[in-house]
Amino acid sequence: MNIKKIIFVRHAKSSWKYNVSDINRPLKKRGIDDAGIISQEFKKLDLTIDFIYSSPANRALSTCKIFQKCLNHPDSMFNITEDLYDFSGERVLEFIKSINNELNSVMLFGHNYAFTSLVNILGDRIIDNLPTSGLVIIDFDITSWEYVKFGQTKKIMFPKDYRL
């Protein structure tokens, strides 16, 4: 049995306080705190992550860096991917299907509506909304990423469930 694993992480809560383009919006303090909480809780699962990909958007990349630091994940196993700066999910799905098959476990940092849509299409549990800093793990019994279709939702982590 071959298992391919995707860890979807929606960017943390961003700030609308600054007059910047969408791609440059920074994180709010609550976003930084929530990403820290979820990255710490995720670390407890002790999963192997072969590679991390992030949207180039400031809010996604900043969230990714919080996780990378917490997980001690090397920069050599990380890449910024334009296809993850997608809100419909079509480009994200095409990207997933093109992932190198030597990688079995990938973590993706991106956006809604794309991530909620893909989690519901690809996983076996329906969620209303993947909140900011929300994380969903889906396993696929496939040998090649090009066959990504129906997976098993293994874990759903929302910040509200871990805040004190």
Protein backbone atom coordinates (compact mmCIF):
# COMPACT_ATOMS: atom_id res chain seq x y z
CA MET A 1 0.00 0.00 0.00
CA ASN A 2 1.32 3.41 -0.96
CA ILE A 3 0.16 6.38 1.01
CA LYS A 4 0.49 9.93 -0.21
CA LYS A 5 -0.33 12.58 2.38
CA ILE A 6 -1.36 16.22 1.94
CA ILE A 7 -1.43 18.62 4.86
CA PHE A 8 -3.52 21.63 3.86
CA VAL A 9 -2.93 24.79 5.93
CA ARG A 10 -4.92 27.93 5.29
CA HIS A 11 -2.94 31.10 5.96
CA ALA A 12 -3.35 32.73 9.37
CA LYS A 13 -5.61 35.74 9.98
CA SER A 14 -4.39 38.70 7.97
CA SER A 15 -4.63 42.41 8.54
CA TRP A 16 -6.62 44.82 6.39
CA LYS A 17 -5.12 47.78 8.27
CA TYR A 18 -2.55 48.64 5.62
CA ASN A 19 -3.12 50.00 2.14
CA VAL A 20 -1.30 47.19 0.31
CA SER A 21 -2.18 44.86 -2.54
CA ASP A 22 -3.83 41.53 -1.69
CA ILE A 23 -0.61 39.55 -2.18
CA ASN A 24 1.24 41.80 0.30
CA ARG A 25 -1.24 41.75 3.21
CA PRO A 26 0.54 40.90 6.49
CA LEU A 27 -0.65 38.78 9.41
CA LYS A 28 -2.53 40.18 12.40
CA LYS A 29 -1.23 39.42 15.90
CA ARG A 30 -4.07 36.91 16.37
CA GLY A 31 -3.00 35.22 13.15
CA ILE A 32 0.58 34.89 14.37
CA ASP A 33 -0.66 33.50 17.70
CA ASP A 34 -3.07 31.01 16.05
CA ALA A 35 -0.41 29.77 13.61
CA GLY A 36 1.90 29.26 16.58
CA ILE A 37 -0.75 27.25 18.46
CA ILE A 38 -1.60 25.01 15.49
CA SER A 39 2.06 24.47 14.54
CA GLN A 40 2.82 23.37 18.13
CA GLU A 41 -0.18 21.01 18.18
CA PHE A 42 0.70 19.64 14.74
CA LYS A 43 4.29 19.02 15.86
CA LYS A 44 2.96 16.64 18.54
CA LEU A 45 1.68 14.34 15.76
CA ASP A 46 5.34 13.71 14.82
CA LEU A 47 4.64 13.26 11.10
CA THR A 48 7.32 13.22 8.43
CA ILE A 49 6.97 16.01 5.90
CA ASP A 50 8.96 15.48 2.71
CA PHE A 51 8.37 18.96 1.29
CA ILE A 52 6.57 22.22 2.05
CA TYR A 53 5.04 24.47 -0.60
CA SER A 54 3.62 27.94 -0.02
CA SER A 55 1.68 30.53 -1.93
CA PRO A 56 3.80 33.64 -2.56
CA ALA A 57 1.25 35.80 -0.69
CA ASN A 58 2.75 37.43 2.39
CA ARG A 59 0.06 36.02 4.71
CA ALA A 60 0.58 32.43 3.48
CA LEU A 61 4.36 32.69 3.43
CA SER A 62 4.44 34.18 6.94
CA THR A 63 2.21 31.36 8.21
CA CYS A 64 4.47 28.84 6.48
CA LYS A 65 7.58 30.32 8.12
CA ILE A 66 5.97 29.98 11.59
CA PHE A 67 5.35 26.27 10.91
CA GLN A 68 8.79 25.75 9.36
CA LYS A 69 10.50 27.22 12.40
CA CYS A 70 8.39 25.20 14.85
CA LEU A 71 8.99 21.96 12.92
CA ASN A 72 12.69 22.66 12.25
CA HIS A 73 11.96 22.04 8.58
CA PRO A 74 14.92 22.92 6.33
CA ASP A 75 14.68 25.63 3.67
CA SER A 76 16.14 23.13 1.18
CA MET A 77 12.84 21.21 1.39
CA PHE A 78 10.64 24.26 0.80
CA ASN A 79 9.44 26.13 -2.27
CA ILE A 80 7.22 29.10 -3.10
CA THR A 81 4.66 28.05 -5.70
CA GLU A 82 2.60 30.56 -7.72
CA ASP A 83 -0.08 27.90 -8.30
CA LEU A 84 -1.01 28.02 -4.60
CA TYR A 85 -2.01 31.69 -4.93
CA ASP A 86 -5.37 30.46 -6.16
CA PHE A 87 -8.84 30.95 -4.76
CA SER A 88 -10.90 28.50 -6.85
CA GLY A 89 -8.77 25.40 -6.30
CA GLU A 90 -8.26 24.49 -9.96
CA ARG A 91 -4.61 25.57 -10.10
CA VAL A 92 -3.94 24.00 -6.70
CA LEU A 93 -5.33 20.65 -7.86
CA GLU A 94 -3.27 20.77 -11.06
CA PHE A 95 -0.21 21.53 -8.95
CA ILE A 96 -0.92 18.57 -6.61
CA LYS A 97 -1.21 16.24 -9.61
CA SER A 98 2.24 17.39 -10.78
CA ILE A 99 4.11 16.81 -7.49
CA ASN A 100 7.23 14.65 -7.76
CA ASN A 101 6.24 11.04 -6.93
CA GLU A 102 9.32 10.58 -4.78
CA LEU A 103 7.55 12.83 -2.27
CA ASN A 104 4.99 11.02 -0.11
CA SER A 105 4.03 13.73 2.35
CA VAL A 106 3.60 17.41 1.43
CA MET A 107 2.39 20.44 3.33
CA LEU A 108 0.63 23.19 1.37
CA PHE A 109 0.04 26.77 2.55
CA GLY A 110 -2.64 28.64 0.67
CA HIS A 111 -6.06 30.25 0.57
CA ASN A 112 -9.80 29.91 0.66
CA TYR A 113 -12.10 29.19 -1.10
CA ALA A 114 -9.63 26.83 -2.80
CA PHE A 115 -8.59 24.92 0.33
CA THR A 116 -12.09 24.41 1.78
CA SER A 117 -13.25 23.25 -1.64
CA LEU A 118 -10.35 20.81 -2.12
CA VAL A 119 -10.60 19.42 1.41
CA ASN A 120 -14.28 18.67 0.75
CA ILE A 121 -13.72 17.26 -2.75
CA LEU A 122 -10.66 15.14 -1.88
CA GLY A 123 -11.39 14.10 1.70
CA ASP A 124 -14.15 11.97 3.19
CA ARG A 125 -15.36 14.53 5.74
CA ILE A 126 -17.20 17.73 4.84
CA ILE A 127 -16.35 20.98 6.60
CA ASP A 128 -18.25 24.26 6.23
CA ASN A 129 -15.11 26.37 6.14
CA LEU A 130 -11.40 25.91 6.68
CA PRO A 131 -10.72 28.82 9.04
CA THR A 132 -7.54 30.88 9.08
CA SER A 133 -4.68 28.76 10.52
CA GLY A 134 -6.89 25.71 10.01
CA LEU A 135 -5.15 22.45 9.08
CA VAL A 136 -6.49 19.29 7.43
CA ILE A 137 -4.56 16.08 6.76
CA ILE A 138 -5.76 13.79 3.96
CA ASP A 139 -4.22 10.43 3.06
CA PHE A 140 -4.48 8.89 -0.42
CA ASP A 141 -3.90 5.23 -1.26
CA ILE A 142 -2.12 5.96 -4.56
CA THR A 143 1.29 5.41 -6.15
CA SER A 144 1.31 8.65 -8.14
CA TRP A 145 0.10 12.17 -7.35
CA GLU A 146 -1.59 12.29 -10.77
CA TYR A 147 -4.21 9.88 -9.37
CA VAL A 148 -5.26 12.15 -6.48
CA LYS A 149 -9.02 11.82 -6.22
CA PHE A 150 -10.65 10.31 -3.13
CA GLY A 151 -8.74 10.35 0.11
CA GLN A 152 -9.34 9.76 3.77
CA THR A 153 -9.47 12.79 6.06
CA LYS A 154 -7.18 11.88 8.95
CA LYS A 155 -7.11 15.03 11.05
CA ILE A 156 -8.83 18.41 11.25
CA MET A 157 -7.29 21.11 13.44
CA PHE A 158 -8.94 24.50 13.96
CA PRO A 159 -7.38 27.18 16.21
CA LYS A 160 -10.59 27.67 18.25
CA ASP A 161 -10.27 24.05 19.46
CA TYR A 162 -6.81 24.66 20.93
CA ARG A 163 -6.97 28.23 22.26
CA LEU A 164 -6.91 28.56 26.04
